[in-house]
C-alpha atoms as a PDB file:
ATOM      1  CA  UNK A   1      56.765-109.330 266.130  1.00  0.00           C
ATOM      2  CA  UNK A   2      57.854-111.892 263.585  1.00  0.00           C
ATOM      3  CA  UNK A   3      59.571-110.377 260.588  1.00  0.00           C
ATOM      4  CA  UNK A   4      59.015-111.536 257.053  1.00  0.00           C
ATOM      5  CA  UNK A   5      62.633-112.696 256.928  1.00  0.00           C
ATOM      6  CA  UNK A   6      62.146-114.891 260.027  1.00  0.00           C
ATOM      7  CA  UNK A   7      58.956-116.295 258.545  1.00  0.00           C
ATOM      8  CA  UNK A   8      60.661-117.181 255.256  1.00  0.00           C
ATOM      9  CA  UNK A   9      63.657-118.673 257.077  1.00  0.00           C
ATOM     10  CA  UNK A  10      61.203-120.920 258.932  1.00  0.00           C
ATOM     11  CA  UNK A  11      59.103-121.696 255.890  1.00  0.00           C
ATOM     12  CA  UNK A  12      61.982-122.901 253.680  1.00  0.00           C
ATOM     13  CA  UNK A  13      62.885-125.919 255.866  1.00  0.00           C
ATOM     14  CA  UNK A  14      59.198-126.685 256.331  1.00  0.00           C
ATOM     15  CA  UNK A  15      58.652-126.647 252.571  1.00  0.00           C
ATOM     16  CA  UNK A  16      61.651-128.940 252.091  1.00  0.00           C
ATOM     17  CA  UNK A  17      60.125-131.343 254.587  1.00  0.00           C
ATOM     18  CA  UNK A  18      56.858-131.289 252.647  1.00  0.00           C
ATOM     19  CA  UNK A  19      58.130-133.939 250.261  1.00  0.00           C
ATOM     20  CA  UNK A  20      58.914-136.216 253.170  1.00  0.00           C
ATOM     21  CA  UNK A  21      55.669-135.347 254.945  1.00  0.00           C
ATOM     22  CA  UNK A  22      53.493-136.562 252.109  1.00  0.00           C
ATOM     23  CA  UNK A  23      54.739-140.096 252.654  1.00  0.00           C
ATOM     24  CA  UNK A  24      53.959-140.008 256.383  1.00  0.00           C
ATOM     25  CA  UNK A  25      50.463-141.055 257.371  1.00  0.00           C
ATOM     26  CA  UNK A  26      48.631-138.730 259.758  1.00  0.00           C
ATOM     27  CA  UNK A  27      48.198-141.461 262.361  1.00  0.00           C
ATOM     28  CA  UNK A  28      51.957-142.112 262.387  1.00  0.00           C
ATOM     29  CA  UNK A  29      53.037-138.482 262.555  1.00  0.00           C
ATOM     30  CA  UNK A  30      54.300-137.069 265.833  1.00  0.00           C
ATOM     31  CA  UNK A  31      52.471-134.211 267.507  1.00  0.00           C
ATOM     32  CA  UNK A  32      54.280-130.904 267.147  1.00  0.00           C
ATOM     33  CA  UNK A  33      55.769-129.350 270.274  1.00  0.00           C
ATOM     34  CA  UNK A  34      55.086-125.630 270.742  1.00  0.00           C
ATOM     35  CA  UNK A  35      58.814-125.249 271.495  1.00  0.00           C
ATOM     36  CA  UNK A  36      59.825-126.804 268.156  1.00  0.00           C
ATOM     37  CA  UNK A  37      61.835-124.184 266.198  1.00  0.00           C
ATOM     38  CA  UNK A  38      59.439-124.237 263.228  1.00  0.00           C
ATOM     39  CA  UNK A  39      56.429-123.950 265.534  1.00  0.00           C
ATOM     40  CA  UNK A  40      58.033-121.102 267.454  1.00  0.00           C
ATOM     41  CA  UNK A  41      58.868-119.289 264.218  1.00  0.00           C
ATOM     42  CA  UNK A  42      55.242-119.494 263.122  1.00  0.00           C
ATOM     43  CA  UNK A  43      53.899-118.620 266.573  1.00  0.00           C
ATOM     44  CA  UNK A  44      52.045-121.949 266.810  1.00  0.00           C
ATOM     45  CA  UNK A  45      49.873-122.528 269.882  1.00  0.00           C
ATOM     46  CA  UNK A  46      47.875-125.696 270.624  1.00  0.00           C
ATOM     47  CA  UNK A  47      45.022-123.466 271.833  1.00  0.00           C
ATOM     48  CA  UNK A  48      44.142-120.536 269.559  1.00  0.00           C
ATOM     49  CA  UNK A  49      42.555-118.647 272.457  1.00  0.00           C
ATOM     50  CA  UNK A  50      46.022-118.315 274.016  1.00  0.00           C
ATOM     51  CA  UNK A  51      47.539-116.482 271.006  1.00  0.00           C
ATOM     52  CA  UNK A  52      48.961-113.056 271.854  1.00  0.00           C
ATOM     53  CA  UNK A  53      46.914-110.842 269.505  1.00  0.00           C
ATOM     54  CA  UNK A  54      49.298-107.927 270.067  1.00  0.00           C
ATOM     55  CA  UNK A  55      52.291-109.989 268.946  1.00  0.00           C
ATOM     56  CA  UNK A  56      50.326-111.575 266.071  1.00  0.00           C
ATOM     57  CA  UNK A  57      47.941-108.922 264.736  1.00  0.00           C
ATOM     58  CA  UNK A  58      46.829-111.265 261.921  1.00  0.00           C
ATOM     59  CA  UNK A  59      45.111-113.468 264.511  1.00  0.00           C
ATOM     60  CA  UNK A  60      41.337-113.220 264.393  1.00  0.00           C
ATOM     61  CA  UNK A  61      39.004-114.866 266.900  1.00  0.00           C
ATOM     62  CA  UNK A  62      37.556-118.030 265.381  1.00  0.00           C
ATOM     63  CA  UNK A  63      40.569-118.807 263.202  1.00  0.00           C
ATOM     64  CA  UNK A  64      42.172-122.137 264.047  1.00  0.00           C
ATOM     65  CA  UNK A  65      44.000-125.026 262.426  1.00  0.00           C
ATOM     66  CA  UNK A  66      40.789-126.933 261.682  1.00  0.00           C
ATOM     67  CA  UNK A  67      39.573-124.135 259.380  1.00  0.00           C
ATOM     68  CA  UNK A  68      42.996-123.491 257.789  1.00  0.00           C
ATOM     69  CA  UNK A  69      43.723-124.515 254.200  1.00  0.00           C
ATOM     70  CA  UNK A  70      46.928-126.300 255.279  1.00  0.00           C
ATOM     71  CA  UNK A  71      45.236-128.569 257.871  1.00  0.00           C
ATOM     72  CA  UNK A  72      45.038-132.163 256.661  1.00  0.00           C
ATOM     73  CA  UNK A  73      42.715-134.085 258.894  1.00  0.00           C
ATOM     74  CA  UNK A  74      39.194-134.520 260.151  1.00  0.00           C
ATOM     75  CA  UNK A  75      39.993-135.463 263.758  1.00  0.00           C
ATOM     76  CA  UNK A  76      41.045-133.333 266.709  1.00  0.00           C
ATOM     77  CA  UNK A  77      44.645-133.582 265.449  1.00  0.00           C
ATOM     78  CA  UNK A  78      45.701-133.311 261.815  1.00  0.00           C
ATOM     79  CA  UNK A  79      48.889-133.021 259.807  1.00  0.00           C
ATOM     80  CA  UNK A  80      50.299-129.620 258.832  1.00  0.00           C
ATOM     81  CA  UNK A  81      52.818-129.568 255.967  1.00  0.00           C
ATOM     82  CA  UNK A  82      54.215-126.239 257.173  1.00  0.00           C
ATOM     83  CA  UNK A  83      55.358-127.872 260.408  1.00  0.00           C
ATOM     84  CA  UNK A  84      57.234-130.743 258.813  1.00  0.00           C
ATOM     85  CA  UNK A  85      54.213-133.004 258.502  1.00  0.00           C
ATOM     86  CA  UNK A  86      53.706-133.175 262.255  1.00  0.00           C
ATOM     87  CA  UNK A  87      50.256-133.257 263.801  1.00  0.00           C
ATOM     88  CA  UNK A  88      48.738-130.013 265.049  1.00  0.00           C
ATOM     89  CA  UNK A  89      45.725-129.507 267.262  1.00  0.00           C
ATOM     90  CA  UNK A  90      42.581-128.585 265.310  1.00  0.00           C
ATOM     91  CA  UNK A  91      41.989-125.908 267.964  1.00  0.00           C
ATOM     92  CA  UNK A  92      45.512-124.525 267.456  1.00  0.00           C
ATOM     93  CA  UNK A  93      46.712-121.558 265.407  1.00  0.00           C
ATOM     94  CA  UNK A  94      49.876-120.186 263.752  1.00  0.00           C
ATOM     95  CA  UNK A  95      50.758-117.075 261.785  1.00  0.00           C
ATOM     96  CA  UNK A  96      50.556-118.960 258.464  1.00  0.00           C
ATOM     97  CA  UNK A  97      46.799-119.515 258.952  1.00  0.00           C
ATOM     98  CA  UNK A  98      44.822-119.088 255.739  1.00  0.00           C
ATOM     99  CA  UNK A  99      41.053-119.584 255.502  1.00  0.00           C
ATOM    100  CA  UNK A 100      39.937-122.775 253.787  1.00  0.00           C
ATOM    101  CA  UNK A 101      38.405-122.151 250.395  1.00  0.00           C
END
């Protein structure tokens, strides 16, 4: 289980990268690797159906990057500021998921 401290320790560098990420176009951004330290800290998976619901009890079926407020894109892959402005799969999921308003 990811602790709040681990989450914050992962979020701080991601937030710092946010300023840099805004200048990177989505088409130019690299795709995030699930083994990337920030992705691992947030429990990111390219396929939301492969998320361990026991390890991440906040996961709900149907939640994915494409319907997250942080997802910036309309294609299959979009930029996520929480992962350093890298592209994430619209069908992916991480523990920072928050429903789009």
